[in-house]
Amino acid sequence: MTKRRKWTVIPGFLALAAAATVLSAYSGASSSEGRAPDQPVNFPHPRHAGPVSQGGLGMNCLYCHFSANKSPDPGMPAVNTCMGCHTVVAGRADSSKAEIRKLTEYWNKKLPVPWERIHKVPDYVQFPHMRHVNAGVTCQTCHGDVQNMGKVYQHASLNMGWCVNCHVNGYRPAEGARAAGLPDSAVAALVAQPPKKARYDCAVCHY
């Protein structure tokens, strides 16, 4: 191959690399919107995190996802966290009792529950949960109304365009509160707050 041909090939490789990068960034890359895998234990979010007025316990997300406000990773509950209640609470319906028995088996075997991950951004993307949670972003803004999901699924694309849109246009606290199912009075109190914007240069997420 002559030098001239070598130099004509390089732009082609660069264009191919750029196209692959853009396609990866905007296609969801690691997990897809709507993804809803079966879990080893059917954990009923509406019963635990749903509103008390609708028969739920109104548990805060941080009770189980204990490190979401202090770590990049939100954390998953240890089996002993679950058994703190379920050594006493055996369930009423047969379906509930069956799931609690599964949980008890993991407890007796001293094994963690092998939860199937639902949300995953590409390895080259950093998403520090604590920065978002401590900035006031509600969990439901990204994850949807999990407290009402019979089976948890990926609510948003989580692709680059979706994230950048929020950083550029700003997070609206009232919308976040509404997504979290807070009372109308709490939402109304936040309407006047301006959108919270964030940097969107490459180094914010890619480092």
N, C-alpha and C. Protein backbone atom coordinates (compact mmCIF):
# COMPACT_ATOMS: atom_id res chain seq x y z
N MET A 1 0.85 -1.20 0.00
CA MET A 1 0.00 0.00 0.00
C MET A 1 0.89 1.25 0.00
N THR A 2 0.56 2.20 -0.90
CA THR A 2 1.36 3.42 -0.98
C THR A 2 1.01 4.34 0.17
N LYS A 3 1.91 5.35 0.39
CA LYS A 3 1.67 6.32 1.47
C LYS A 3 0.37 7.07 1.24
N ARG A 4 0.11 7.39 -0.05
CA ARG A 4 -1.10 8.16 -0.33
C ARG A 4 -2.35 7.36 0.05
N ARG A 5 -2.33 6.05 -0.27
CA ARG A 5 -3.48 5.20 0.09
C ARG A 5 -3.64 5.07 1.60
N LYS A 6 -2.52 4.98 2.30
CA LYS A 6 -2.58 4.90 3.77
C LYS A 6 -3.28 6.11 4.34
N TRP A 7 -2.91 7.29 3.85
CA TRP A 7 -3.50 8.52 4.37
C TRP A 7 -4.98 8.64 4.01
N THR A 8 -5.41 8.04 2.90
CA THR A 8 -6.83 8.11 2.55
C THR A 8 -7.66 7.14 3.40
N VAL A 9 -7.02 6.09 3.93
CA VAL A 9 -7.73 5.13 4.77
C VAL A 9 -8.00 5.70 6.17
N ILE A 10 -7.08 6.52 6.68
CA ILE A 10 -7.19 7.04 8.05
C ILE A 10 -8.50 7.79 8.29
N PRO A 11 -8.91 8.72 7.41
CA PRO A 11 -10.19 9.40 7.65
C PRO A 11 -11.37 8.43 7.73
N GLY A 12 -11.30 7.36 6.95
CA GLY A 12 -12.36 6.36 6.99
C GLY A 12 -12.45 5.69 8.35
N PHE A 13 -11.29 5.32 8.92
CA PHE A 13 -11.27 4.72 10.25
C PHE A 13 -11.78 5.69 11.31
N LEU A 14 -11.38 6.96 11.19
CA LEU A 14 -11.82 7.98 12.14
C LEU A 14 -13.33 8.17 12.08
N ALA A 15 -13.86 8.20 10.87
CA ALA A 15 -15.31 8.36 10.70
C ALA A 15 -16.05 7.16 11.29
N LEU A 16 -15.49 5.97 11.09
CA LEU A 16 -16.10 4.75 11.63
C LEU A 16 -16.09 4.76 13.16
N ALA A 17 -14.96 5.19 13.74
CA ALA A 17 -14.85 5.27 15.21
C ALA A 17 -15.83 6.29 15.77
N ALA A 18 -15.94 7.43 15.09
CA ALA A 18 -16.86 8.48 15.55
C ALA A 18 -18.30 8.00 15.49
N ALA A 19 -18.64 7.31 14.40
CA ALA A 19 -20.00 6.79 14.24
C ALA A 19 -20.32 5.77 15.32
N ALA A 20 -19.35 4.89 15.64
CA ALA A 20 -19.55 3.88 16.68
C ALA A 20 -19.75 4.52 18.03
N THR A 21 -18.98 5.57 18.31
CA THR A 21 -19.08 6.28 19.59
C THR A 21 -20.45 6.93 19.74
N VAL A 22 -20.87 7.65 18.71
CA VAL A 22 -22.17 8.33 18.75
C VAL A 22 -23.31 7.32 18.87
N LEU A 23 -23.21 6.24 18.10
CA LEU A 23 -24.25 5.22 18.14
C LEU A 23 -24.35 4.60 19.52
N SER A 24 -23.19 4.33 20.12
CA SER A 24 -23.15 3.74 21.46
C SER A 24 -23.72 4.70 22.48
N ALA A 25 -23.35 5.99 22.38
CA ALA A 25 -23.78 6.98 23.36
C ALA A 25 -25.27 7.22 23.33
N TYR A 26 -25.88 7.16 22.14
CA TYR A 26 -27.28 7.49 22.01
C TYR A 26 -28.21 6.29 21.91
N SER A 27 -27.69 5.10 21.99
CA SER A 27 -28.54 3.92 21.81
C SER A 27 -28.89 3.23 23.12
N GLY A 28 -28.47 3.77 24.25
CA GLY A 28 -28.74 3.12 25.52
C GLY A 28 -27.58 2.25 25.94
N ALA A 29 -26.82 1.74 24.97
CA ALA A 29 -25.54 1.06 25.15
C ALA A 29 -25.59 -0.19 26.02
N SER A 30 -26.03 -0.09 27.26
CA SER A 30 -25.91 -1.24 28.14
C SER A 30 -27.24 -1.86 28.55
N SER A 31 -28.24 -1.06 28.80
CA SER A 31 -29.55 -1.62 29.14
C SER A 31 -30.61 -0.82 28.41
N SER A 32 -31.69 -1.47 28.08
CA SER A 32 -32.69 -0.86 27.20
C SER A 32 -33.92 -0.38 27.95
N GLU A 33 -34.50 0.69 27.44
CA GLU A 33 -35.75 1.21 28.00
C GLU A 33 -36.81 0.12 27.92
N GLY A 34 -37.54 -0.07 29.01
CA GLY A 34 -38.57 -1.09 29.06
C GLY A 34 -38.09 -2.44 29.58
N ARG A 35 -36.79 -2.57 29.81
CA ARG A 35 -36.22 -3.84 30.30
C ARG A 35 -36.84 -4.20 31.64
N ALA A 36 -37.35 -5.40 31.76
CA ALA A 36 -38.02 -5.83 32.99
C ALA A 36 -37.73 -7.30 33.26
N PRO A 37 -36.52 -7.62 33.69
CA PRO A 37 -36.17 -9.04 33.93
C PRO A 37 -36.89 -9.63 35.14
N ASP A 38 -37.09 -10.93 35.11
CA ASP A 38 -37.65 -11.62 36.27
C ASP A 38 -36.60 -11.61 37.38
N GLN A 39 -37.07 -11.53 38.61
CA GLN A 39 -36.18 -11.50 39.77
C GLN A 39 -36.30 -12.79 40.56
N PRO A 40 -35.24 -13.16 41.29
CA PRO A 40 -35.29 -14.41 42.08
C PRO A 40 -36.33 -14.36 43.19
N VAL A 41 -36.62 -13.16 43.68
CA VAL A 41 -37.70 -12.96 44.65
C VAL A 41 -38.57 -11.83 44.12
N ASN A 42 -39.85 -12.07 44.06
CA ASN A 42 -40.77 -11.06 43.54
C ASN A 42 -41.04 -10.02 44.63
N PHE A 43 -40.23 -8.98 44.64
CA PHE A 43 -40.34 -7.95 45.67
C PHE A 43 -41.44 -6.96 45.28
N PRO A 44 -42.51 -6.85 46.07
CA PRO A 44 -43.61 -5.95 45.72
C PRO A 44 -43.36 -4.51 46.17
N HIS A 45 -42.83 -3.69 45.26
CA HIS A 45 -42.59 -2.29 45.61
C HIS A 45 -43.86 -1.56 46.04
N PRO A 46 -45.02 -1.78 45.39
CA PRO A 46 -46.23 -1.07 45.85
C PRO A 46 -46.57 -1.34 47.30
N ARG A 47 -46.31 -2.56 47.75
CA ARG A 47 -46.63 -2.89 49.16
C ARG A 47 -45.65 -2.21 50.11
N HIS A 48 -44.39 -2.17 49.76
CA HIS A 48 -43.38 -1.61 50.65
C HIS A 48 -43.25 -0.09 50.53
N ALA A 49 -43.15 0.40 49.28
CA ALA A 49 -42.88 1.83 49.06
C ALA A 49 -44.11 2.62 48.63
N GLY A 50 -45.20 1.93 48.37
CA GLY A 50 -46.41 2.62 47.92
C GLY A 50 -47.02 3.49 49.01
N PRO A 51 -47.89 4.42 48.63
CA PRO A 51 -48.52 5.32 49.60
C PRO A 51 -49.35 4.56 50.63
N VAL A 52 -49.31 5.04 51.85
CA VAL A 52 -50.10 4.41 52.93
C VAL A 52 -51.59 4.47 52.58
N SER A 53 -52.00 5.55 51.93
CA SER A 53 -53.40 5.72 51.56
C SER A 53 -53.88 4.65 50.58
N GLN A 54 -52.92 4.00 49.90
CA GLN A 54 -53.26 2.96 48.93
C GLN A 54 -52.85 1.57 49.40
N GLY A 55 -52.62 1.45 50.70
CA GLY A 55 -52.29 0.14 51.26
C GLY A 55 -50.82 -0.17 51.34
N GLY A 56 -49.96 0.79 50.96
CA GLY A 56 -48.52 0.59 51.06
C GLY A 56 -47.99 0.98 52.43
N LEU A 57 -46.72 0.76 52.63
CA LEU A 57 -46.08 1.11 53.90
C LEU A 57 -45.37 2.46 53.84
N GLY A 58 -45.26 3.02 52.64
CA GLY A 58 -44.63 4.34 52.48
C GLY A 58 -43.16 4.37 52.85
N MET A 59 -42.46 3.25 52.68
CA MET A 59 -41.04 3.20 53.04
C MET A 59 -40.21 4.08 52.11
N ASN A 60 -39.24 4.76 52.69
CA ASN A 60 -38.33 5.61 51.92
C ASN A 60 -37.38 4.72 51.11
N CYS A 61 -37.06 5.14 49.89
CA CYS A 61 -36.15 4.37 49.03
C CYS A 61 -34.83 4.06 49.74
N LEU A 62 -34.37 5.02 50.56
CA LEU A 62 -33.07 4.87 51.22
C LEU A 62 -33.04 3.77 52.28
N TYR A 63 -34.21 3.29 52.69
CA TYR A 63 -34.22 2.22 53.68
C TYR A 63 -33.56 0.97 53.10
N CYS A 64 -33.83 0.70 51.82
CA CYS A 64 -33.23 -0.46 51.16
C CYS A 64 -32.00 -0.08 50.35
N HIS A 65 -32.13 1.01 49.59
CA HIS A 65 -31.00 1.47 48.77
C HIS A 65 -30.22 2.50 49.60
N PHE A 66 -29.56 1.97 50.60
CA PHE A 66 -29.02 2.73 51.71
C PHE A 66 -27.89 3.69 51.38
N SER A 67 -27.20 3.50 50.26
CA SER A 67 -26.04 4.34 49.98
C SER A 67 -26.27 5.32 48.83
N ALA A 68 -27.51 5.45 48.38
CA ALA A 68 -27.79 6.31 47.23
C ALA A 68 -27.44 7.77 47.49
N ASN A 69 -27.46 8.19 48.75
CA ASN A 69 -27.16 9.60 49.08
C ASN A 69 -25.73 9.82 49.54
N LYS A 70 -24.91 8.76 49.49
CA LYS A 70 -23.53 8.91 49.96
C LYS A 70 -22.51 8.13 49.13
N SER A 71 -22.96 7.55 48.03
CA SER A 71 -22.06 6.73 47.21
C SER A 71 -22.51 6.78 45.75
N PRO A 72 -21.58 6.53 44.82
CA PRO A 72 -21.98 6.45 43.41
C PRO A 72 -23.01 5.34 43.18
N ASP A 73 -22.88 4.24 43.94
CA ASP A 73 -23.78 3.11 43.80
C ASP A 73 -24.91 3.21 44.83
N PRO A 74 -26.16 2.96 44.44
CA PRO A 74 -27.28 3.12 45.38
C PRO A 74 -27.33 2.06 46.47
N GLY A 75 -26.69 0.92 46.23
CA GLY A 75 -26.70 -0.15 47.23
C GLY A 75 -27.95 -1.01 47.14
N MET A 76 -27.79 -2.28 47.48
CA MET A 76 -28.91 -3.22 47.56
C MET A 76 -29.00 -3.74 48.99
N PRO A 77 -30.20 -3.99 49.47
CA PRO A 77 -30.34 -4.40 50.87
C PRO A 77 -29.74 -5.77 51.15
N ALA A 78 -29.08 -5.88 52.29
CA ALA A 78 -28.61 -7.19 52.73
C ALA A 78 -29.83 -8.01 53.16
N VAL A 79 -29.71 -9.32 53.09
CA VAL A 79 -30.85 -10.18 53.43
C VAL A 79 -31.28 -9.94 54.88
N ASN A 80 -30.31 -9.61 55.75
CA ASN A 80 -30.71 -9.39 57.15
C ASN A 80 -31.56 -8.13 57.32
N THR A 81 -31.46 -7.19 56.36
CA THR A 81 -32.34 -6.01 56.39
C THR A 81 -33.78 -6.46 56.15
N CYS A 82 -33.94 -7.34 55.17
CA CYS A 82 -35.28 -7.87 54.87
C CYS A 82 -35.81 -8.70 56.04
N MET A 83 -34.93 -9.54 56.56
CA MET A 83 -35.37 -10.45 57.63
C MET A 83 -35.61 -9.73 58.95
N GLY A 84 -35.14 -8.49 59.04
CA GLY A 84 -35.46 -7.69 60.23
C GLY A 84 -36.96 -7.60 60.44
N CYS A 85 -37.70 -7.61 59.34
CA CYS A 85 -39.17 -7.62 59.43
C CYS A 85 -39.73 -9.02 59.23
N HIS A 86 -39.15 -9.73 58.27
CA HIS A 86 -39.78 -10.98 57.85
C HIS A 86 -39.46 -12.19 58.72
N THR A 87 -38.73 -12.01 59.78
CA THR A 87 -38.68 -13.07 60.79
C THR A 87 -40.01 -13.09 61.56
N VAL A 88 -40.72 -11.96 61.51
CA VAL A 88 -42.02 -11.84 62.19
C VAL A 88 -43.16 -11.82 61.17
N VAL A 89 -42.98 -11.06 60.10
CA VAL A 89 -44.03 -10.91 59.09
C VAL A 89 -43.90 -12.04 58.06
N ALA A 90 -44.88 -12.95 58.09
CA ALA A 90 -44.82 -14.12 57.20
C ALA A 90 -45.69 -13.95 55.97
N GLY A 91 -46.43 -12.85 55.89
CA GLY A 91 -47.32 -12.62 54.75
C GLY A 91 -48.70 -13.20 54.97
N ARG A 92 -49.66 -12.68 54.21
CA ARG A 92 -51.04 -13.15 54.32
C ARG A 92 -51.43 -14.03 53.13
N ALA A 93 -51.28 -13.48 51.94
CA ALA A 93 -51.64 -14.25 50.74
C ALA A 93 -50.63 -15.36 50.51
N ASP A 94 -51.08 -16.44 49.90
CA ASP A 94 -50.20 -17.58 49.62
C ASP A 94 -49.01 -17.16 48.75
N SER A 95 -49.27 -16.25 47.79
CA SER A 95 -48.20 -15.79 46.90
C SER A 95 -47.12 -15.04 47.69
N SER A 96 -47.55 -14.25 48.68
CA SER A 96 -46.60 -13.52 49.52
C SER A 96 -45.80 -14.49 50.38
N LYS A 97 -46.46 -15.45 50.95
CA LYS A 97 -45.79 -16.44 51.80
C LYS A 97 -44.72 -17.20 51.00
N ALA A 98 -45.04 -17.50 49.75
CA ALA A 98 -44.09 -18.25 48.91
C ALA A 98 -42.83 -17.43 48.67
N GLU A 99 -42.97 -16.13 48.42
CA GLU A 99 -41.80 -15.28 48.18
C GLU A 99 -40.98 -15.09 49.46
N ILE A 100 -41.65 -14.99 50.59
CA ILE A 100 -40.94 -14.83 51.86
C ILE A 100 -40.18 -16.11 52.21
N ARG A 101 -40.74 -17.26 51.81
CA ARG A 101 -40.03 -18.53 52.02
C ARG A 101 -38.73 -18.55 51.21
N LYS A 102 -38.79 -18.03 49.98
CA LYS A 102 -37.57 -17.94 49.17
C LYS A 102 -36.52 -17.08 49.87
N LEU A 103 -36.97 -15.95 50.39
CA LEU A 103 -36.09 -15.04 51.10
C LEU A 103 -35.46 -15.73 52.31
N THR A 104 -36.28 -16.49 53.03
CA THR A 104 -35.80 -17.20 54.21
C THR A 104 -34.75 -18.25 53.86
N GLU A 105 -34.91 -18.87 52.69
CA GLU A 105 -33.92 -19.86 52.25
C GLU A 105 -32.56 -19.22 52.04
N TYR A 106 -32.55 -18.03 51.42
CA TYR A 106 -31.28 -17.31 51.24
C TYR A 106 -30.68 -16.98 52.60
N TRP A 107 -31.53 -16.59 53.52
CA TRP A 107 -31.09 -16.22 54.88
C TRP A 107 -30.47 -17.42 55.58
N ASN A 108 -31.15 -18.57 55.49
CA ASN A 108 -30.65 -19.78 56.16
C ASN A 108 -29.35 -20.27 55.55
N LYS A 109 -29.18 -20.07 54.25
CA LYS A 109 -27.96 -20.50 53.57
C LYS A 109 -26.85 -19.45 53.63
N LYS A 110 -27.19 -18.30 54.27
CA LYS A 110 -26.23 -17.19 54.38
C LYS A 110 -25.74 -16.72 53.00
N LEU A 111 -26.70 -16.61 52.09
CA LEU A 111 -26.41 -16.16 50.73
C LEU A 111 -27.16 -14.87 50.43
N PRO A 112 -26.56 -13.99 49.62
CA PRO A 112 -27.29 -12.79 49.20
C PRO A 112 -28.32 -13.16 48.13
N VAL A 113 -29.34 -12.35 48.01
CA VAL A 113 -30.31 -12.57 46.93
C VAL A 113 -29.64 -12.14 45.62
N PRO A 114 -29.57 -13.00 44.61
CA PRO A 114 -28.90 -12.64 43.35
C PRO A 114 -29.81 -11.82 42.44
N TRP A 115 -30.06 -10.58 42.85
CA TRP A 115 -30.95 -9.72 42.08
C TRP A 115 -30.42 -9.52 40.66
N GLU A 116 -31.31 -9.46 39.72
CA GLU A 116 -30.98 -9.20 38.32
C GLU A 116 -30.95 -7.69 38.10
N ARG A 117 -29.81 -7.18 37.69
CA ARG A 117 -29.68 -5.73 37.50
C ARG A 117 -30.58 -5.27 36.35
N ILE A 118 -31.24 -4.13 36.55
CA ILE A 118 -32.15 -3.58 35.54
C ILE A 118 -31.52 -2.39 34.83
N HIS A 119 -31.05 -1.41 35.61
CA HIS A 119 -30.49 -0.19 35.04
C HIS A 119 -28.97 -0.26 35.00
N LYS A 120 -28.41 -0.03 33.82
CA LYS A 120 -26.95 -0.03 33.71
C LYS A 120 -26.53 0.92 32.60
N VAL A 121 -25.68 1.87 32.95
CA VAL A 121 -25.12 2.76 31.94
C VAL A 121 -23.81 2.14 31.45
N PRO A 122 -23.30 2.58 30.31
CA PRO A 122 -22.05 2.01 29.79
C PRO A 122 -20.90 2.17 30.78
N ASP A 123 -19.91 1.31 30.65
CA ASP A 123 -18.77 1.34 31.57
C ASP A 123 -17.98 2.64 31.49
N TYR A 124 -18.08 3.33 30.36
CA TYR A 124 -17.32 4.57 30.22
C TYR A 124 -18.10 5.79 30.73
N VAL A 125 -19.24 5.55 31.36
CA VAL A 125 -20.06 6.63 31.91
C VAL A 125 -20.09 6.52 33.43
N GLN A 126 -19.88 7.63 34.10
CA GLN A 126 -19.96 7.66 35.56
C GLN A 126 -21.27 8.34 35.96
N PHE A 127 -22.06 7.65 36.75
CA PHE A 127 -23.29 8.25 37.27
C PHE A 127 -23.26 8.18 38.79
N PRO A 128 -22.80 9.24 39.45
CA PRO A 128 -22.74 9.23 40.91
C PRO A 128 -24.11 9.51 41.52
N HIS A 129 -24.73 8.50 42.07
CA HIS A 129 -26.06 8.68 42.66
C HIS A 129 -26.09 9.78 43.72
N MET A 130 -25.04 9.83 44.54
CA MET A 130 -25.09 10.76 45.68
C MET A 130 -25.18 12.21 45.22
N ARG A 131 -24.55 12.56 44.10
CA ARG A 131 -24.61 13.94 43.62
C ARG A 131 -26.03 14.31 43.21
N HIS A 132 -26.70 13.39 42.56
CA HIS A 132 -28.06 13.66 42.11
C HIS A 132 -29.05 13.69 43.28
N VAL A 133 -28.94 12.71 44.16
CA VAL A 133 -29.86 12.64 45.30
C VAL A 133 -29.68 13.86 46.21
N ASN A 134 -28.44 14.23 46.48
CA ASN A 134 -28.17 15.37 47.37
C ASN A 134 -28.49 16.71 46.72
N ALA A 135 -28.65 16.71 45.39
CA ALA A 135 -29.08 17.93 44.69
C ALA A 135 -30.60 18.04 44.69
N GLY A 136 -31.25 17.02 45.24
CA GLY A 136 -32.71 17.07 45.34
C GLY A 136 -33.45 16.34 44.24
N VAL A 137 -32.71 15.65 43.36
CA VAL A 137 -33.36 14.91 42.28
C VAL A 137 -34.05 13.68 42.88
N THR A 138 -35.34 13.54 42.65
CA THR A 138 -36.05 12.39 43.21
C THR A 138 -35.73 11.12 42.42
N CYS A 139 -35.78 10.00 43.08
CA CYS A 139 -35.47 8.72 42.44
C CYS A 139 -36.36 8.48 41.23
N GLN A 140 -37.63 8.89 41.35
CA GLN A 140 -38.62 8.63 40.30
C GLN A 140 -38.34 9.41 39.02
N THR A 141 -37.54 10.48 39.11
CA THR A 141 -37.21 11.26 37.93
C THR A 141 -36.50 10.39 36.89
N CYS A 142 -35.61 9.52 37.35
CA CYS A 142 -34.87 8.64 36.44
C CYS A 142 -35.49 7.25 36.36
N HIS A 143 -36.01 6.76 37.49
CA HIS A 143 -36.47 5.37 37.56
C HIS A 143 -37.97 5.19 37.37
N GLY A 144 -38.71 6.29 37.26
CA GLY A 144 -40.16 6.18 37.12
C GLY A 144 -40.82 5.93 38.48
N ASP A 145 -42.14 5.79 38.48
CA ASP A 145 -42.86 5.62 39.76
C ASP A 145 -42.76 4.18 40.25
N VAL A 146 -41.56 3.83 40.68
CA VAL A 146 -41.28 2.46 41.13
C VAL A 146 -42.23 2.03 42.24
N GLN A 147 -42.66 2.99 43.06
CA GLN A 147 -43.54 2.66 44.18
C GLN A 147 -44.89 2.10 43.71
N ASN A 148 -45.19 2.25 42.42
CA ASN A 148 -46.44 1.73 41.87
C ASN A 148 -46.22 0.62 40.84
N MET A 149 -44.97 0.20 40.68
CA MET A 149 -44.67 -0.84 39.68
C MET A 149 -44.81 -2.23 40.28
N GLY A 150 -45.71 -3.02 39.71
CA GLY A 150 -45.83 -4.41 40.15
C GLY A 150 -44.57 -5.19 39.82
N LYS A 151 -43.97 -4.84 38.68
CA LYS A 151 -42.70 -5.41 38.27
C LYS A 151 -41.82 -4.27 37.77
N VAL A 152 -40.67 -4.09 38.38
CA VAL A 152 -39.82 -2.94 38.04
C VAL A 152 -39.24 -3.09 36.64
N TYR A 153 -39.29 -2.00 35.90
CA TYR A 153 -38.73 -1.98 34.55
C TYR A 153 -37.94 -0.69 34.36
N GLN A 154 -37.14 -0.64 33.32
CA GLN A 154 -36.37 0.57 33.04
C GLN A 154 -37.28 1.60 32.41
N HIS A 155 -37.51 2.68 33.14
CA HIS A 155 -38.48 3.70 32.75
C HIS A 155 -37.97 4.61 31.64
N ALA A 156 -36.69 4.97 31.67
CA ALA A 156 -36.12 5.92 30.72
C ALA A 156 -34.99 5.28 29.93
N SER A 157 -34.61 5.93 28.82
CA SER A 157 -33.57 5.36 27.97
C SER A 157 -32.19 5.38 28.64
N LEU A 158 -31.94 6.38 29.48
CA LEU A 158 -30.64 6.59 30.13
C LEU A 158 -29.52 6.82 29.12
N ASN A 159 -29.87 7.17 27.89
CA ASN A 159 -28.81 7.43 26.92
C ASN A 159 -28.26 8.84 27.10
N MET A 160 -27.24 9.17 26.33
CA MET A 160 -26.53 10.42 26.50
C MET A 160 -27.44 11.63 26.27
N GLY A 161 -28.26 11.57 25.23
CA GLY A 161 -29.15 12.68 24.93
C GLY A 161 -30.13 12.94 26.05
N TRP A 162 -30.63 11.88 26.67
CA TRP A 162 -31.60 12.01 27.77
C TRP A 162 -30.96 12.71 28.97
N CYS A 163 -29.73 12.33 29.28
CA CYS A 163 -29.02 12.93 30.42
C CYS A 163 -28.66 14.40 30.13
N VAL A 164 -28.11 14.64 28.94
CA VAL A 164 -27.69 15.99 28.57
C VAL A 164 -28.88 16.95 28.57
N ASN A 165 -30.02 16.46 28.13
CA ASN A 165 -31.22 17.29 28.10
C ASN A 165 -31.54 17.85 29.49
N CYS A 166 -31.40 17.01 30.50
CA CYS A 166 -31.67 17.45 31.88
C CYS A 166 -30.60 18.43 32.37
N HIS A 167 -29.34 18.16 32.03
CA HIS A 167 -28.26 19.04 32.46
C HIS A 167 -28.37 20.42 31.80
N VAL A 168 -28.80 20.45 30.53
CA VAL A 168 -28.89 21.71 29.79
C VAL A 168 -30.15 22.50 30.17
N ASN A 169 -31.29 21.84 30.14
CA ASN A 169 -32.56 22.52 30.40
C ASN A 169 -32.87 22.66 31.89
N GLY A 170 -32.26 21.81 32.68
CA GLY A 170 -32.43 21.92 34.12
C GLY A 170 -33.47 20.95 34.69
N TYR A 171 -33.23 20.55 35.93
CA TYR A 171 -34.16 19.68 36.66
C TYR A 171 -35.16 20.57 37.39
N ARG A 172 -36.44 20.30 37.17
CA ARG A 172 -37.49 21.09 37.82
C ARG A 172 -37.98 20.36 39.07
N PRO A 173 -37.70 20.93 40.25
CA PRO A 173 -38.07 20.27 41.51
C PRO A 173 -39.55 19.90 41.60
N ALA A 174 -40.42 20.76 41.07
CA ALA A 174 -41.86 20.46 41.14
C ALA A 174 -42.20 19.21 40.35
N GLU A 175 -41.58 19.05 39.18
CA GLU A 175 -41.83 17.86 38.36
C GLU A 175 -41.30 16.61 39.06
N GLY A 176 -40.15 16.75 39.71
CA GLY A 176 -39.59 15.62 40.45
C GLY A 176 -40.48 15.21 41.60
N ALA A 177 -41.02 16.20 42.30
CA ALA A 177 -41.92 15.92 43.43
C ALA A 177 -43.20 15.25 42.95
N ARG A 178 -43.69 15.71 41.80
CA ARG A 178 -44.91 15.12 41.24
C ARG A 178 -44.66 13.66 40.85
N ALA A 179 -43.50 13.41 40.25
CA ALA A 179 -43.14 12.04 39.85
C ALA A 179 -43.02 11.13 41.07
N ALA A 180 -42.58 11.72 42.19
CA ALA A 180 -42.41 10.93 43.42
C ALA A 180 -43.72 10.68 44.15
N GLY A 181 -44.80 11.28 43.63
CA GLY A 181 -46.11 11.06 44.24
C GLY A 181 -46.35 11.89 45.48
N LEU A 182 -45.61 13.00 45.64
CA LEU A 182 -45.82 13.86 46.81
C LEU A 182 -47.15 14.58 46.69
N PRO A 183 -47.71 15.03 47.82
CA PRO A 183 -49.00 15.72 47.80
C PRO A 183 -48.97 16.98 46.94
N ASP A 184 -50.13 17.37 46.42
CA ASP A 184 -50.23 18.56 45.57
C ASP A 184 -49.67 19.80 46.26
N SER A 185 -49.85 19.88 47.58
CA SER A 185 -49.37 21.05 48.33
C SER A 185 -47.84 21.13 48.28
N ALA A 186 -47.18 19.96 48.34
CA ALA A 186 -45.72 19.93 48.29
C ALA A 186 -45.22 20.29 46.90
N VAL A 187 -45.96 19.84 45.88
CA VAL A 187 -45.59 20.16 44.50
C VAL A 187 -45.77 21.66 44.26
N ALA A 188 -46.89 22.21 44.73
CA ALA A 188 -47.18 23.64 44.53
C ALA A 188 -46.11 24.52 45.16
N ALA A 189 -45.59 24.07 46.30
CA ALA A 189 -44.58 24.86 47.01
C ALA A 189 -43.26 24.93 46.24
N LEU A 190 -43.08 24.03 45.28
CA LEU A 190 -41.82 23.98 44.53
C LEU A 190 -41.92 24.59 43.13
N VAL A 191 -43.13 24.92 42.72
CA VAL A 191 -43.34 25.42 41.35
C VAL A 191 -42.51 26.66 41.06
N ALA A 192 -42.37 27.53 42.04
CA ALA A 192 -41.65 28.79 41.82
C ALA A 192 -40.13 28.61 41.73
N GLN A 193 -39.63 27.45 42.16
CA GLN A 193 -38.18 27.25 42.13
C GLN A 193 -37.69 27.11 40.69
N PRO A 194 -36.59 27.79 40.35
CA PRO A 194 -36.07 27.71 38.97
C PRO A 194 -35.45 26.33 38.71
N PRO A 195 -35.32 25.97 37.44
CA PRO A 195 -34.69 24.68 37.10
C PRO A 195 -33.25 24.64 37.60
N LYS A 196 -32.84 23.48 38.07
CA LYS A 196 -31.45 23.29 38.51
C LYS A 196 -30.64 22.73 37.36
N LYS A 197 -29.74 23.55 36.84
CA LYS A 197 -28.93 23.12 35.71
C LYS A 197 -27.58 22.59 36.19
N ALA A 198 -26.90 21.86 35.31
CA ALA A 198 -25.60 21.28 35.66
C ALA A 198 -24.67 21.36 34.45
N ARG A 199 -23.39 21.24 34.73
CA ARG A 199 -22.40 21.23 33.63
C ARG A 199 -22.70 20.06 32.70
N TYR A 200 -22.31 20.25 31.44
CA TYR A 200 -22.51 19.16 30.49
C TYR A 200 -21.31 18.95 29.58
N ASP A 201 -20.13 19.40 30.05
CA ASP A 201 -18.92 19.10 29.29
C ASP A 201 -18.56 17.62 29.49
N CYS A 202 -17.72 17.08 28.63
CA CYS A 202 -17.42 15.66 28.62
C CYS A 202 -16.95 15.12 29.97
N ALA A 203 -16.12 15.92 30.67
CA ALA A 203 -15.48 15.44 31.90
C ALA A 203 -16.48 15.25 33.04
N VAL A 204 -17.70 15.77 32.89
CA VAL A 204 -18.70 15.60 33.95
C VAL A 204 -19.06 14.12 34.14
N CYS A 205 -19.20 13.41 33.04
CA CYS A 205 -19.62 12.01 33.10
C CYS A 205 -18.54 11.02 32.67
N HIS A 206 -17.60 11.49 31.86
CA HIS A 206 -16.57 10.60 31.33
C HIS A 206 -15.24 10.92 31.97
N TYR A 207 -14.92 10.20 33.04
CA TYR A 207 -13.66 10.43 33.74
C TYR A 207 -13.15 9.15 34.37
